[in-house]
C-alpha atoms as a PDB file:
ATOM      1  CA  MET A   1      16.421 -27.757  -7.513  1.00  0.00           C
ATOM      2  CA  ASN A   2      16.365 -25.555  -4.677  1.00  0.00           C
ATOM      3  CA  THR A   3      14.992 -22.103  -5.802  1.00  0.00           C
ATOM      4  CA  GLY A   4      15.889 -20.455  -2.071  1.00  0.00           C
ATOM      5  CA  SER A   5      12.692 -20.631  -1.593  1.00  0.00           C
ATOM      6  CA  ASP A   6      12.976 -23.214   1.443  1.00  0.00           C
ATOM      7  CA  ARG A   7      15.877 -21.098   3.697  1.00  0.00           C
ATOM      8  CA  GLY A   8      15.414 -22.066   7.062  1.00  0.00           C
ATOM      9  CA  THR A   9      14.453 -25.746   6.985  1.00  0.00           C
ATOM     10  CA  GLN A  10      17.757 -26.892   6.053  1.00  0.00           C
ATOM     11  CA  GLY A  11      20.171 -28.844   8.630  1.00  0.00           C
ATOM     12  CA  SER A  12      23.432 -26.983   9.903  1.00  0.00           C
ATOM     13  CA  ALA A  13      26.985 -28.214   9.884  1.00  0.00           C
ATOM     14  CA  SER A  14      25.902 -30.517  12.890  1.00  0.00           C
ATOM     15  CA  GLY A  15      23.465 -32.727  11.362  1.00  0.00           C
ATOM     16  CA  GLU A  16      20.388 -30.911  13.338  1.00  0.00           C
ATOM     17  CA  ASN A  17      17.460 -29.294  12.000  1.00  0.00           C
ATOM     18  CA  THR A  18      17.542 -25.193  12.470  1.00  0.00           C
ATOM     19  CA  ASP A  19      13.997 -24.662  11.373  1.00  0.00           C
ATOM     20  CA  ASP A  20      13.442 -20.268  12.422  1.00  0.00           C
ATOM     21  CA  THR A  21       9.731 -20.384  10.109  1.00  0.00           C
ATOM     22  CA  THR A  22       8.231 -21.365  13.437  1.00  0.00           C
ATOM     23  CA  ALA A  23      10.414 -18.798  15.511  1.00  0.00           C
ATOM     24  CA  GLN A  24       9.553 -16.288  13.574  1.00  0.00           C
ATOM     25  CA  PRO A  25       5.892 -14.374  12.785  1.00  0.00           C
ATOM     26  CA  ALA A  26       4.095 -14.630   9.288  1.00  0.00           C
ATOM     27  CA  GLU A  27       4.875 -11.901   8.549  1.00  0.00           C
ATOM     28  CA  GLU A  28       8.860 -11.969   8.973  1.00  0.00           C
ATOM     29  CA  ALA A  29       8.441 -15.411   6.840  1.00  0.00           C
ATOM     30  CA  PRO A  30      11.001 -15.059   3.793  1.00  0.00           C
ATOM     31  CA  HIS A  31       8.391 -13.796   0.671  1.00  0.00           C
ATOM     32  CA  VAL A  32       8.018 -16.952  -2.100  1.00  0.00           C
ATOM     33  CA  SER A  33       6.279 -16.637  -4.805  1.00  0.00           C
ATOM     34  CA  LYS A  34       2.668 -17.698  -5.120  1.00  0.00           C
ATOM     35  CA  ALA A  35       3.070 -19.335  -8.569  1.00  0.00           C
ATOM     36  CA  PRO A  36       2.496 -22.870  -9.369  1.00  0.00           C
ATOM     37  CA  GLU A  37       5.033 -25.366  -8.465  1.00  0.00           C
ATOM     38  CA  PHE A  38       5.354 -26.587 -12.487  1.00  0.00           C
ATOM     39  CA  ILE A  39       6.028 -22.790 -12.972  1.00  0.00           C
ATOM     40  CA  LYS A  40       8.736 -22.017 -10.477  1.00  0.00           C
ATOM     41  CA  ALA A  41      10.982 -25.565 -11.385  1.00  0.00           C
ATOM     42  CA  ARG A  42      11.862 -23.623 -14.816  1.00  0.00           C
ATOM     43  CA  ARG A  43      13.316 -20.492 -14.550  1.00  0.00           C
ATOM     44  CA  THR A  44      12.737 -19.102 -17.895  1.00  0.00           C
ATOM     45  CA  LEU A  45       8.337 -19.898 -17.413  1.00  0.00           C
ATOM     46  CA  HIS A  46       8.746 -18.411 -13.637  1.00  0.00           C
ATOM     47  CA  LEU A  47      10.121 -15.301 -15.482  1.00  0.00           C
ATOM     48  CA  SER A  48       7.425 -15.027 -17.833  1.00  0.00           C
ATOM     49  CA  TRP A  49       5.194 -15.463 -14.887  1.00  0.00           C
ATOM     50  CA  GLN A  50       6.601 -12.502 -12.986  1.00  0.00           C
ATOM     51  CA  VAL A  51       6.809 -10.506 -16.263  1.00  0.00           C
ATOM     52  CA  GLY A  52       2.963 -10.876 -16.618  1.00  0.00           C
ATOM     53  CA  VAL A  53       2.077 -10.588 -12.657  1.00  0.00           C
ATOM     54  CA  PHE A  54       4.239  -6.864 -13.484  1.00  0.00           C
ATOM     55  CA  VAL A  55       2.082  -6.024 -16.324  1.00  0.00           C
ATOM     56  CA  VAL A  56      -1.101  -6.788 -14.739  1.00  0.00           C
ATOM     57  CA  GLY A  57      -0.475  -5.416 -11.871  1.00  0.00           C
ATOM     58  CA  LEU A  58       0.788  -2.131 -13.355  1.00  0.00           C
ATOM     59  CA  ALA A  59      -1.964  -2.257 -15.521  1.00  0.00           C
ATOM     60  CA  VAL A  60      -4.629  -2.610 -12.703  1.00  0.00           C
ATOM     61  CA  ILE A  61      -2.233   0.255 -10.862  1.00  0.00           C
ATOM     62  CA  GLY A  62      -2.714   2.642 -14.364  1.00  0.00           C
ATOM     63  CA  ALA A  63      -6.502   2.026 -14.497  1.00  0.00           C
ATOM     64  CA  GLY A  64      -6.562   3.209 -10.278  1.00  0.00           C
ATOM     65  CA  VAL A  65      -4.711   6.327 -10.969  1.00  0.00           C
ATOM     66  CA  ALA A  66      -6.875   7.135 -13.820  1.00  0.00           C
ATOM     67  CA  MET A  67      -9.795   6.566 -11.744  1.00  0.00           C
ATOM     68  CA  LEU A  68      -8.339   9.370  -9.405  1.00  0.00           C
ATOM     69  CA  VAL A  69      -9.598  12.405 -11.706  1.00  0.00           C
ATOM     70  CA  LEU A  70     -12.335   9.853 -13.764  1.00  0.00           C
ATOM     71  CA  PRO A  71     -15.509   8.007 -11.967  1.00  0.00           C
ATOM     72  CA  GLY A  72     -14.537   5.144 -10.454  1.00  0.00           C
ATOM     73  CA  PRO A  73     -12.776   3.488  -7.017  1.00  0.00           C
ATOM     74  CA  GLY A  74      -9.134   4.904  -7.879  1.00  0.00           C
ATOM     75  CA  TRP A  75      -7.543   3.817  -4.333  1.00  0.00           C
ATOM     76  CA  VAL A  76      -8.974   0.421  -4.357  1.00  0.00           C
ATOM     77  CA  ALA A  77      -7.529  -0.408  -7.930  1.00  0.00           C
ATOM     78  CA  ILE A  78      -4.553   0.974  -6.854  1.00  0.00           C
ATOM     79  CA  PHE A  79      -4.302  -1.635  -3.500  1.00  0.00           C
ATOM     80  CA  ALA A  80      -5.409  -4.550  -5.700  1.00  0.00           C
ATOM     81  CA  GLY A  81      -2.597  -3.841  -8.207  1.00  0.00           C
ATOM     82  CA  LEU A  82      -0.374  -3.649  -5.429  1.00  0.00           C
ATOM     83  CA  ALA A  83      -2.040  -6.907  -3.814  1.00  0.00           C
ATOM     84  CA  ILE A  84      -1.480  -8.836  -7.163  1.00  0.00           C
ATOM     85  CA  TRP A  85       2.473  -7.399  -7.187  1.00  0.00           C
ATOM     86  CA  ALA A  86       2.358  -9.303  -3.813  1.00  0.00           C
ATOM     87  CA  THR A  87       1.420 -12.045  -4.822  1.00  0.00           C
ATOM     88  CA  GLU A  88       5.525 -12.316  -6.613  1.00  0.00           C
ATOM     89  CA  PHE A  89       7.359  -9.485  -5.145  1.00  0.00           C
ATOM     90  CA  ALA A  90       9.153  -9.485  -1.994  1.00  0.00           C
ATOM     91  CA  TRP A  91       9.130  -4.965  -2.651  1.00  0.00           C
ATOM     92  CA  ALA A  92       5.343  -5.124  -3.152  1.00  0.00           C
ATOM     93  CA  SER A  93       4.709  -7.001  -0.277  1.00  0.00           C
ATOM     94  CA  LEU A  94       6.597  -4.909   2.328  1.00  0.00           C
ATOM     95  CA  VAL A  95       5.012  -2.000   0.339  1.00  0.00           C
ATOM     96  CA  LEU A  96       1.322  -3.515   0.655  1.00  0.00           C
ATOM     97  CA  ARG A  97       2.348  -4.246   4.268  1.00  0.00           C
ATOM     98  CA  TRP A  98       3.384  -0.645   5.185  1.00  0.00           C
ATOM     99  CA  THR A  99       0.251   0.573   3.336  1.00  0.00           C
ATOM    100  CA  LYS A 100      -2.030  -1.607   5.335  1.00  0.00           C
ATOM    101  CA  ARG A 101      -0.370  -0.478   8.709  1.00  0.00           C
ATOM    102  CA  LYS A 102      -0.775   3.484   7.532  1.00  0.00           C
ATOM    103  CA  VAL A 103      -4.276   2.767   6.612  1.00  0.00           C
ATOM    104  CA  THR A 104      -5.312   1.191   9.815  1.00  0.00           C
ATOM    105  CA  GLU A 105      -3.393   4.347  11.758  1.00  0.00           C
ATOM    106  CA  ALA A 106      -5.185   6.943   9.640  1.00  0.00           C
ATOM    107  CA  ALA A 107      -8.197   5.205  10.277  1.00  0.00           C
ATOM    108  CA  GLN A 108      -7.989   4.914  14.301  1.00  0.00           C
ATOM    109  CA  LYS A 109      -6.732   8.904  14.525  1.00  0.00           C
ATOM    110  CA  ALA A 110      -9.753   9.769  12.239  1.00  0.00           C
ATOM    111  CA  LEU A 111     -12.212   8.446  14.957  1.00  0.00           C
ATOM    112  CA  ASP A 112     -10.171  10.266  17.675  1.00  0.00           C
ATOM    113  CA  PRO A 113     -13.445  12.639  18.671  1.00  0.00           C
ATOM    114  CA  LYS A 114     -11.142  15.739  19.010  1.00  0.00           C
ATOM    115  CA  VAL A 115      -9.772  14.993  15.473  1.00  0.00           C
ATOM    116  CA  ARG A 116     -13.717  14.038  14.529  1.00  0.00           C
ATOM    117  CA  ARG A 117     -14.771  17.897  15.954  1.00  0.00           C
ATOM    118  CA  ARG A 118     -11.694  19.598  14.151  1.00  0.00           C
ATOM    119  CA  ASN A 119     -12.773  17.816  11.176  1.00  0.00           C
ATOM    120  CA  ILE A 120     -16.684  18.927  11.064  1.00  0.00           C
ATOM    121  CA  ILE A 121     -15.866  22.955  12.221  1.00  0.00           C
ATOM    122  CA  LEU A 122     -13.246  23.089   9.421  1.00  0.00           C
ATOM    123  CA  THR A 123     -15.438  21.160   7.029  1.00  0.00           C
ATOM    124  CA  THR A 124     -18.496  24.287   8.330  1.00  0.00           C
ATOM    125  CA  VAL A 125     -16.022  27.164   7.680  1.00  0.00           C
ATOM    126  CA  GLY A 126     -14.999  25.930   4.209  1.00  0.00           C
ATOM    127  CA  LEU A 127     -18.602  25.660   3.377  1.00  0.00           C
ATOM    128  CA  VAL A 128     -19.278  28.894   4.772  1.00  0.00           C
ATOM    129  CA  VAL A 129     -16.935  30.668   2.854  1.00  0.00           C
ATOM    130  CA  ALA A 130     -17.701  28.578  -0.022  1.00  0.00           C
ATOM    131  CA  ALA A 131     -21.811  30.013   0.102  1.00  0.00           C
ATOM    132  CA  ALA A 132     -20.838  33.484   0.765  1.00  0.00           C
ATOM    133  CA  LEU A 133     -18.124  33.532  -2.281  1.00  0.00           C
ATOM    134  CA  VAL A 134     -20.911  32.267  -4.768  1.00  0.00           C
ATOM    135  CA  GLY A 135     -23.385  34.618  -2.612  1.00  0.00           C
ATOM    136  CA  PHE A 136     -20.861  37.460  -3.560  1.00  0.00           C
ATOM    137  CA  TYR A 137     -20.459  36.607  -7.062  1.00  0.00           C
ATOM    138  CA  VAL A 138     -24.305  35.954  -7.579  1.00  0.00           C
ATOM    139  CA  TRP A 139     -24.762  39.824  -5.681  1.00  0.00           C
ATOM    140  CA  LYS A 140     -22.570  41.063  -7.955  1.00  0.00           C
ATOM    141  CA  TYR A 141     -23.649  39.407 -11.429  1.00  0.00           C
ATOM    142  CA  GLY A 142     -26.780  37.568 -11.194  1.00  0.00           C
ATOM    143  CA  MET A 143     -27.498  34.460 -12.408  1.00  0.00           C
ATOM    144  CA  THR A 144     -24.827  34.978 -15.406  1.00  0.00           C
ATOM    145  CA  MET A 145     -22.025  32.376 -15.929  1.00  0.00           C
ATOM    146  CA  PRO A 146     -18.386  33.774 -15.989  1.00  0.00           C
ATOM    147  CA  TRP A 147     -17.807  33.153 -19.803  1.00  0.00           C
ATOM    148  CA  ASN A 148     -21.294  35.129 -20.601  1.00  0.00           C
ATOM    149  CA  ILE A 149     -20.027  38.232 -18.432  1.00  0.00           C
ATOM    150  CA  LYS A 150     -18.975  41.763 -21.116  1.00  0.00           C
ATOM    151  CA  ASP A 151     -16.053  44.275 -19.606  1.00  0.00           C
ATOM    152  CA  GLN A 152     -17.305  46.456 -17.213  1.00  0.00           C
END
């Protein structure tokens, strides 16, 4: 049964082999499901496999989104869920590849000395402003919590 995952290995009408997969980089190869062969051989079983992979990936991404506001490695879980989806879905593979490229670019940009200096200066200014605000509050109201301040 031809599932279409072996495109490019079929012979042409003249009988020659037009295997383009060796000429293409590994990133440009058509997306192939990572499901075992016995699952890919049956359409309903493969569809069930894909639904299961989607649900598991969605659960991991949902947990990652929750961990963005709760304690835990939120972004790591989101990227892990995307990697789970990428095992079955070509669009997720493309999104994961794009995300890896953007994260690499951001990491290289963050290591630039000018950007690091700017970030350190902005962080220092932010901390000074926050300390000034806290100092003003303590000077004005003392160590009283805001909800215990009576109208003056």
